[in-house]
Amino acid sequence: MNRKTPKRARTRSSARAQSFRCLQCGLDISMSAIGTSHRNHCPNCLWSRHLDDTPGDRAADCGARMEPLAISVRGDGEWVIVHRCTGCGVLHANRTAGDDNALPLTRLAVRPLAQPPFPFERLAGL
């Protein structure tokens, strides 16, 4: 760290590296999480913030909230959350973490069944 950096600035940047506040629900969140090395979403509401272009780079200029849209399952069975930026519309797939709330994860996973893009009655005619 640069010796010319004021002590207060060093302390603030260190605190930022250890935790963040969710822009959606206001929860204070630790940056460390089981199952991922780049915590990028709230384990309570699953919302994120558009900070990365690639995982962990913090290079995105947008900074808007990212809405959790869906769950996708990778070939190895790992669940990932699909987020869409409310500012620029970019989509990102983010690994779930070991402390993510199971209820919103399950709600995302069953959303296509709970809110199908067509009436289920159409299936009877097939």
N, C-alpha and C. Protein backbone atom coordinates (compact mmCIF):
# COMPACT_ATOMS: atom_id res chain seq x y z
N MET A 1 0.84 -1.18 0.00
CA MET A 1 0.00 0.00 0.00
C MET A 1 0.88 1.23 0.00
N ASN A 2 0.50 2.26 -0.68
CA ASN A 2 1.25 3.49 -0.79
C ASN A 2 1.32 4.18 0.57
N ARG A 3 2.53 4.58 0.98
CA ARG A 3 2.70 5.24 2.28
C ARG A 3 2.02 6.60 2.32
N LYS A 4 1.76 7.20 1.17
CA LYS A 4 1.13 8.52 1.13
C LYS A 4 -0.39 8.44 1.27
N THR A 5 -0.94 7.24 1.23
CA THR A 5 -2.38 7.08 1.39
C THR A 5 -2.75 7.35 2.84
N PRO A 6 -3.70 8.26 3.09
CA PRO A 6 -4.10 8.55 4.48
C PRO A 6 -4.60 7.30 5.18
N LYS A 7 -4.36 7.26 6.51
CA LYS A 7 -4.76 6.08 7.30
C LYS A 7 -6.25 5.80 7.18
N ARG A 8 -7.08 6.86 7.19
CA ARG A 8 -8.52 6.68 7.09
C ARG A 8 -8.91 6.02 5.76
N ALA A 9 -8.28 6.41 4.67
CA ALA A 9 -8.58 5.82 3.36
C ALA A 9 -8.19 4.35 3.33
N ARG A 10 -7.03 4.01 3.94
CA ARG A 10 -6.63 2.60 3.98
C ARG A 10 -7.64 1.79 4.77
N THR A 11 -8.11 2.32 5.89
CA THR A 11 -9.07 1.62 6.72
C THR A 11 -10.39 1.41 5.98
N ARG A 12 -10.87 2.45 5.29
CA ARG A 12 -12.12 2.33 4.54
C ARG A 12 -12.02 1.29 3.44
N SER A 13 -10.91 1.30 2.68
CA SER A 13 -10.78 0.34 1.59
C SER A 13 -10.64 -1.08 2.13
N SER A 14 -10.00 -1.24 3.29
CA SER A 14 -9.90 -2.56 3.90
C SER A 14 -11.27 -3.06 4.32
N ALA A 15 -12.08 -2.17 4.90
CA ALA A 15 -13.43 -2.55 5.33
C ALA A 15 -14.27 -2.94 4.12
N ARG A 16 -14.13 -2.21 3.02
CA ARG A 16 -14.88 -2.53 1.81
C ARG A 16 -14.51 -3.90 1.28
N ALA A 17 -13.26 -4.27 1.40
CA ALA A 17 -12.81 -5.56 0.89
C ALA A 17 -13.36 -6.72 1.73
N GLN A 18 -13.77 -6.46 2.97
CA GLN A 18 -14.23 -7.52 3.85
C GLN A 18 -15.74 -7.68 3.87
N SER A 19 -16.49 -6.63 3.52
CA SER A 19 -17.94 -6.72 3.54
C SER A 19 -18.54 -5.67 2.60
N PHE A 20 -19.83 -5.83 2.34
CA PHE A 20 -20.57 -4.84 1.56
C PHE A 20 -22.02 -4.83 2.02
N ARG A 21 -22.74 -3.79 1.69
CA ARG A 21 -24.16 -3.67 2.03
C ARG A 21 -24.98 -3.92 0.77
N CYS A 22 -25.98 -4.81 0.87
CA CYS A 22 -26.86 -5.12 -0.26
C CYS A 22 -27.68 -3.89 -0.63
N LEU A 23 -27.68 -3.53 -1.91
CA LEU A 23 -28.44 -2.39 -2.39
C LEU A 23 -29.95 -2.67 -2.40
N GLN A 24 -30.34 -3.93 -2.38
CA GLN A 24 -31.76 -4.29 -2.43
C GLN A 24 -32.38 -4.39 -1.05
N CYS A 25 -31.78 -5.20 -0.16
CA CYS A 25 -32.41 -5.43 1.16
C CYS A 25 -31.66 -4.77 2.31
N GLY A 26 -30.47 -4.22 2.08
CA GLY A 26 -29.75 -3.49 3.10
C GLY A 26 -28.92 -4.33 4.06
N LEU A 27 -28.85 -5.64 3.85
CA LEU A 27 -28.10 -6.53 4.73
C LEU A 27 -26.60 -6.28 4.57
N ASP A 28 -25.86 -6.26 5.69
CA ASP A 28 -24.39 -6.21 5.64
C ASP A 28 -23.89 -7.63 5.41
N ILE A 29 -23.04 -7.79 4.38
CA ILE A 29 -22.63 -9.12 3.93
C ILE A 29 -21.11 -9.26 3.93
N SER A 30 -20.63 -10.35 4.48
CA SER A 30 -19.21 -10.66 4.46
C SER A 30 -18.80 -11.06 3.04
N MET A 31 -17.62 -10.64 2.62
CA MET A 31 -17.12 -11.00 1.29
C MET A 31 -16.73 -12.47 1.20
N SER A 32 -16.46 -13.11 2.32
CA SER A 32 -16.09 -14.52 2.28
C SER A 32 -17.35 -15.38 2.27
N ALA A 33 -17.32 -16.42 1.45
CA ALA A 33 -18.47 -17.31 1.35
C ALA A 33 -18.00 -18.70 0.94
N ILE A 34 -18.64 -19.70 1.48
CA ILE A 34 -18.32 -21.09 1.13
C ILE A 34 -18.73 -21.35 -0.31
N GLY A 35 -17.83 -21.91 -1.10
CA GLY A 35 -18.16 -22.30 -2.46
C GLY A 35 -17.81 -21.30 -3.53
N THR A 36 -17.34 -20.12 -3.16
CA THR A 36 -16.97 -19.12 -4.17
C THR A 36 -15.86 -18.24 -3.63
N SER A 37 -15.00 -17.79 -4.52
CA SER A 37 -13.91 -16.90 -4.09
C SER A 37 -14.21 -15.44 -4.41
N HIS A 38 -15.32 -15.19 -5.11
CA HIS A 38 -15.71 -13.83 -5.48
C HIS A 38 -17.17 -13.60 -5.11
N ARG A 39 -17.43 -13.30 -3.85
CA ARG A 39 -18.80 -13.04 -3.40
C ARG A 39 -19.35 -11.87 -4.22
N ASN A 40 -20.47 -12.08 -4.88
CA ASN A 40 -21.01 -11.02 -5.71
C ASN A 40 -22.51 -10.85 -5.59
N HIS A 41 -23.13 -11.51 -4.63
CA HIS A 41 -24.57 -11.35 -4.45
C HIS A 41 -24.92 -11.51 -2.97
N CYS A 42 -26.08 -11.00 -2.64
CA CYS A 42 -26.58 -11.08 -1.27
C CYS A 42 -27.11 -12.49 -1.01
N PRO A 43 -26.69 -13.14 0.08
CA PRO A 43 -27.20 -14.48 0.37
C PRO A 43 -28.64 -14.48 0.85
N ASN A 44 -29.16 -13.31 1.21
CA ASN A 44 -30.53 -13.20 1.71
C ASN A 44 -31.54 -13.05 0.56
N CYS A 45 -31.33 -12.06 -0.31
CA CYS A 45 -32.30 -11.78 -1.38
C CYS A 45 -31.79 -12.17 -2.76
N LEU A 46 -30.51 -12.51 -2.87
CA LEU A 46 -29.84 -12.96 -4.10
C LEU A 46 -29.57 -11.86 -5.12
N TRP A 47 -29.90 -10.60 -4.80
CA TRP A 47 -29.60 -9.50 -5.71
C TRP A 47 -28.09 -9.26 -5.70
N SER A 48 -27.60 -8.68 -6.77
CA SER A 48 -26.18 -8.41 -6.92
C SER A 48 -25.99 -6.96 -7.34
N ARG A 49 -24.75 -6.60 -7.63
CA ARG A 49 -24.43 -5.28 -8.15
C ARG A 49 -23.47 -5.46 -9.31
N HIS A 50 -23.69 -4.72 -10.37
CA HIS A 50 -22.87 -4.86 -11.57
C HIS A 50 -21.51 -4.20 -11.37
N LEU A 51 -20.56 -5.00 -10.87
CA LEU A 51 -19.20 -4.51 -10.62
C LEU A 51 -18.17 -5.17 -11.53
N ASP A 52 -18.43 -6.40 -11.97
CA ASP A 52 -17.44 -7.17 -12.72
C ASP A 52 -17.82 -7.32 -14.20
N ASP A 53 -16.78 -7.31 -15.05
CA ASP A 53 -16.95 -7.75 -16.44
C ASP A 53 -16.69 -9.25 -16.50
N THR A 54 -15.65 -9.69 -15.81
CA THR A 54 -15.37 -11.10 -15.60
C THR A 54 -15.25 -11.30 -14.08
N PRO A 55 -15.53 -12.50 -13.56
CA PRO A 55 -15.58 -12.69 -12.12
C PRO A 55 -14.35 -12.16 -11.38
N GLY A 56 -14.61 -11.23 -10.45
CA GLY A 56 -13.56 -10.72 -9.58
C GLY A 56 -12.76 -9.54 -10.11
N ASP A 57 -12.99 -9.11 -11.37
CA ASP A 57 -12.13 -8.05 -11.92
C ASP A 57 -12.52 -6.64 -11.48
N ARG A 58 -13.74 -6.44 -11.01
CA ARG A 58 -14.27 -5.14 -10.58
C ARG A 58 -14.05 -4.06 -11.64
N ALA A 59 -14.17 -4.43 -12.92
CA ALA A 59 -13.88 -3.52 -14.03
C ALA A 59 -15.12 -2.88 -14.65
N ALA A 60 -16.32 -3.29 -14.27
CA ALA A 60 -17.53 -2.73 -14.86
C ALA A 60 -17.77 -1.31 -14.36
N ASP A 61 -18.17 -0.43 -15.26
CA ASP A 61 -18.44 0.96 -14.90
C ASP A 61 -19.89 1.19 -14.47
N CYS A 62 -20.77 0.24 -14.70
CA CYS A 62 -22.21 0.42 -14.50
C CYS A 62 -22.58 0.63 -13.03
N GLY A 63 -22.35 -0.36 -12.18
CA GLY A 63 -22.64 -0.25 -10.76
C GLY A 63 -24.10 -0.38 -10.38
N ALA A 64 -25.00 -0.65 -11.34
CA ALA A 64 -26.43 -0.78 -11.03
C ALA A 64 -26.72 -2.11 -10.35
N ARG A 65 -27.93 -2.22 -9.78
CA ARG A 65 -28.37 -3.47 -9.16
C ARG A 65 -28.61 -4.52 -10.24
N MET A 66 -28.38 -5.78 -9.86
CA MET A 66 -28.60 -6.91 -10.77
C MET A 66 -29.66 -7.81 -10.16
N GLU A 67 -30.74 -7.99 -10.90
CA GLU A 67 -31.88 -8.78 -10.44
C GLU A 67 -31.64 -10.27 -10.70
N PRO A 68 -31.92 -11.12 -9.70
CA PRO A 68 -31.83 -12.56 -9.94
C PRO A 68 -33.03 -13.00 -10.79
N LEU A 69 -32.75 -13.60 -11.94
CA LEU A 69 -33.83 -13.99 -12.86
C LEU A 69 -34.17 -15.47 -12.81
N ALA A 70 -33.14 -16.31 -12.71
CA ALA A 70 -33.36 -17.74 -12.85
C ALA A 70 -32.20 -18.51 -12.25
N ILE A 71 -32.40 -19.81 -12.16
CA ILE A 71 -31.35 -20.74 -11.77
C ILE A 71 -31.02 -21.57 -13.00
N SER A 72 -29.74 -21.78 -13.20
CA SER A 72 -29.26 -22.68 -14.24
C SER A 72 -28.42 -23.74 -13.56
N VAL A 73 -28.39 -24.93 -14.11
CA VAL A 73 -27.62 -26.01 -13.52
C VAL A 73 -26.53 -26.41 -14.50
N ARG A 74 -25.29 -26.36 -14.04
CA ARG A 74 -24.15 -26.75 -14.87
C ARG A 74 -24.08 -28.26 -14.99
N GLY A 75 -23.27 -28.74 -15.90
CA GLY A 75 -23.13 -30.17 -16.14
C GLY A 75 -22.72 -30.98 -14.92
N ASP A 76 -21.98 -30.35 -14.01
CA ASP A 76 -21.55 -31.05 -12.79
C ASP A 76 -22.59 -30.97 -11.66
N GLY A 77 -23.75 -30.36 -11.94
CA GLY A 77 -24.82 -30.25 -10.95
C GLY A 77 -24.80 -28.96 -10.14
N GLU A 78 -23.77 -28.13 -10.34
CA GLU A 78 -23.69 -26.87 -9.60
C GLU A 78 -24.76 -25.89 -10.07
N TRP A 79 -25.43 -25.26 -9.12
CA TRP A 79 -26.42 -24.24 -9.43
C TRP A 79 -25.74 -22.89 -9.61
N VAL A 80 -26.19 -22.13 -10.60
CA VAL A 80 -25.73 -20.76 -10.79
C VAL A 80 -26.95 -19.86 -10.91
N ILE A 81 -26.80 -18.64 -10.43
CA ILE A 81 -27.88 -17.66 -10.49
C ILE A 81 -27.67 -16.80 -11.72
N VAL A 82 -28.69 -16.66 -12.54
CA VAL A 82 -28.63 -15.78 -13.70
C VAL A 82 -29.15 -14.41 -13.26
N HIS A 83 -28.30 -13.39 -13.38
CA HIS A 83 -28.66 -12.02 -13.01
C HIS A 83 -28.74 -11.16 -14.26
N ARG A 84 -29.67 -10.19 -14.24
CA ARG A 84 -29.74 -9.17 -15.30
C ARG A 84 -29.57 -7.81 -14.66
N CYS A 85 -28.67 -7.01 -15.24
CA CYS A 85 -28.42 -5.67 -14.72
C CYS A 85 -29.62 -4.77 -15.01
N THR A 86 -30.08 -4.07 -13.98
CA THR A 86 -31.22 -3.16 -14.15
C THR A 86 -30.81 -1.87 -14.84
N GLY A 87 -29.49 -1.63 -14.97
CA GLY A 87 -28.99 -0.43 -15.63
C GLY A 87 -28.73 -0.63 -17.10
N CYS A 88 -27.92 -1.62 -17.44
CA CYS A 88 -27.49 -1.81 -18.83
C CYS A 88 -28.02 -3.09 -19.48
N GLY A 89 -28.64 -3.97 -18.69
CA GLY A 89 -29.26 -5.17 -19.25
C GLY A 89 -28.34 -6.36 -19.43
N VAL A 90 -27.07 -6.25 -19.08
CA VAL A 90 -26.14 -7.37 -19.26
C VAL A 90 -26.58 -8.55 -18.39
N LEU A 91 -26.34 -9.76 -18.88
CA LEU A 91 -26.64 -10.98 -18.13
C LEU A 91 -25.35 -11.59 -17.62
N HIS A 92 -25.37 -12.08 -16.39
CA HIS A 92 -24.23 -12.77 -15.80
C HIS A 92 -24.73 -14.02 -15.10
N ALA A 93 -23.95 -15.09 -15.16
CA ALA A 93 -24.22 -16.31 -14.41
C ALA A 93 -23.25 -16.35 -13.24
N ASN A 94 -23.78 -16.40 -12.02
CA ASN A 94 -22.96 -16.34 -10.81
C ASN A 94 -23.16 -17.59 -9.97
N ARG A 95 -22.05 -18.16 -9.51
CA ARG A 95 -22.11 -19.35 -8.68
C ARG A 95 -22.90 -19.07 -7.40
N THR A 96 -23.66 -20.05 -6.97
CA THR A 96 -24.31 -19.94 -5.67
C THR A 96 -23.24 -20.13 -4.60
N ALA A 97 -23.54 -19.66 -3.41
CA ALA A 97 -22.62 -19.80 -2.27
C ALA A 97 -23.28 -20.68 -1.21
N GLY A 98 -22.46 -21.25 -0.35
CA GLY A 98 -22.94 -22.18 0.67
C GLY A 98 -23.90 -21.57 1.67
N ASP A 99 -23.88 -20.24 1.82
CA ASP A 99 -24.77 -19.61 2.79
C ASP A 99 -25.97 -18.92 2.14
N ASP A 100 -26.21 -19.18 0.85
CA ASP A 100 -27.37 -18.59 0.19
C ASP A 100 -28.67 -19.13 0.79
N ASN A 101 -29.65 -18.25 0.93
CA ASN A 101 -30.95 -18.60 1.49
C ASN A 101 -31.65 -19.58 0.53
N ALA A 102 -32.02 -20.74 1.03
CA ALA A 102 -32.62 -21.79 0.21
C ALA A 102 -33.99 -21.39 -0.35
N LEU A 103 -34.76 -20.57 0.37
CA LEU A 103 -36.10 -20.20 -0.09
C LEU A 103 -36.07 -19.39 -1.39
N PRO A 104 -35.32 -18.28 -1.48
CA PRO A 104 -35.30 -17.57 -2.77
C PRO A 104 -34.64 -18.38 -3.89
N LEU A 105 -33.67 -19.24 -3.54
CA LEU A 105 -33.08 -20.11 -4.57
C LEU A 105 -34.14 -21.05 -5.14
N THR A 106 -34.93 -21.64 -4.26
CA THR A 106 -35.99 -22.57 -4.70
C THR A 106 -37.05 -21.83 -5.49
N ARG A 107 -37.41 -20.62 -5.05
CA ARG A 107 -38.40 -19.82 -5.80
C ARG A 107 -37.93 -19.55 -7.22
N LEU A 108 -36.64 -19.23 -7.38
CA LEU A 108 -36.11 -19.01 -8.72
C LEU A 108 -36.15 -20.29 -9.55
N ALA A 109 -35.81 -21.40 -8.92
CA ALA A 109 -35.77 -22.68 -9.63
C ALA A 109 -37.15 -23.12 -10.13
N VAL A 110 -38.20 -22.85 -9.34
CA VAL A 110 -39.54 -23.30 -9.73
C VAL A 110 -40.35 -22.24 -10.48
N ARG A 111 -39.79 -21.04 -10.64
CA ARG A 111 -40.51 -19.96 -11.31
C ARG A 111 -41.08 -20.37 -12.68
N PRO A 112 -40.35 -21.10 -13.52
CA PRO A 112 -40.93 -21.49 -14.82
C PRO A 112 -42.18 -22.37 -14.68
N LEU A 113 -42.26 -23.15 -13.60
CA LEU A 113 -43.45 -23.97 -13.38
C LEU A 113 -44.59 -23.16 -12.76
N ALA A 114 -44.23 -22.23 -11.88
CA ALA A 114 -45.23 -21.40 -11.21
C ALA A 114 -45.79 -20.32 -12.13
N GLN A 115 -44.98 -19.85 -13.07
CA GLN A 115 -45.38 -18.80 -14.01
C GLN A 115 -45.00 -19.23 -15.43
N PRO A 116 -45.66 -20.25 -15.97
CA PRO A 116 -45.28 -20.74 -17.31
C PRO A 116 -45.57 -19.71 -18.39
N PRO A 117 -44.80 -19.75 -19.48
CA PRO A 117 -44.99 -18.79 -20.57
C PRO A 117 -46.22 -19.11 -21.43
N PHE A 118 -46.92 -20.19 -21.12
CA PHE A 118 -48.11 -20.61 -21.85
C PHE A 118 -49.05 -21.32 -20.88
N PRO A 119 -50.34 -21.40 -21.20
CA PRO A 119 -51.27 -22.12 -20.30
C PRO A 119 -50.98 -23.63 -20.33
N PHE A 120 -50.94 -24.25 -19.15
CA PHE A 120 -50.69 -25.69 -19.08
C PHE A 120 -51.75 -26.50 -19.81
N GLU A 121 -52.94 -25.93 -19.98
CA GLU A 121 -54.01 -26.64 -20.67
C GLU A 121 -53.61 -27.01 -22.10
N ARG A 122 -52.73 -26.25 -22.69
CA ARG A 122 -52.27 -26.53 -24.07
C ARG A 122 -51.52 -27.87 -24.14
N LEU A 123 -50.94 -28.30 -23.04
CA LEU A 123 -50.21 -29.56 -23.04
C LEU A 123 -51.15 -30.76 -23.23
N ALA A 124 -52.40 -30.63 -22.78
CA ALA A 124 -53.36 -31.73 -22.89
C ALA A 124 -53.65 -32.06 -24.35
N GLY A 125 -53.53 -31.09 -25.23
CA GLY A 125 -53.82 -31.30 -26.64
C GLY A 125 -52.66 -31.89 -27.43
N LEU A 126 -51.53 -32.11 -26.81
CA LEU A 126 -50.37 -32.64 -27.53
C LEU A 126 -50.34 -34.12 -27.62
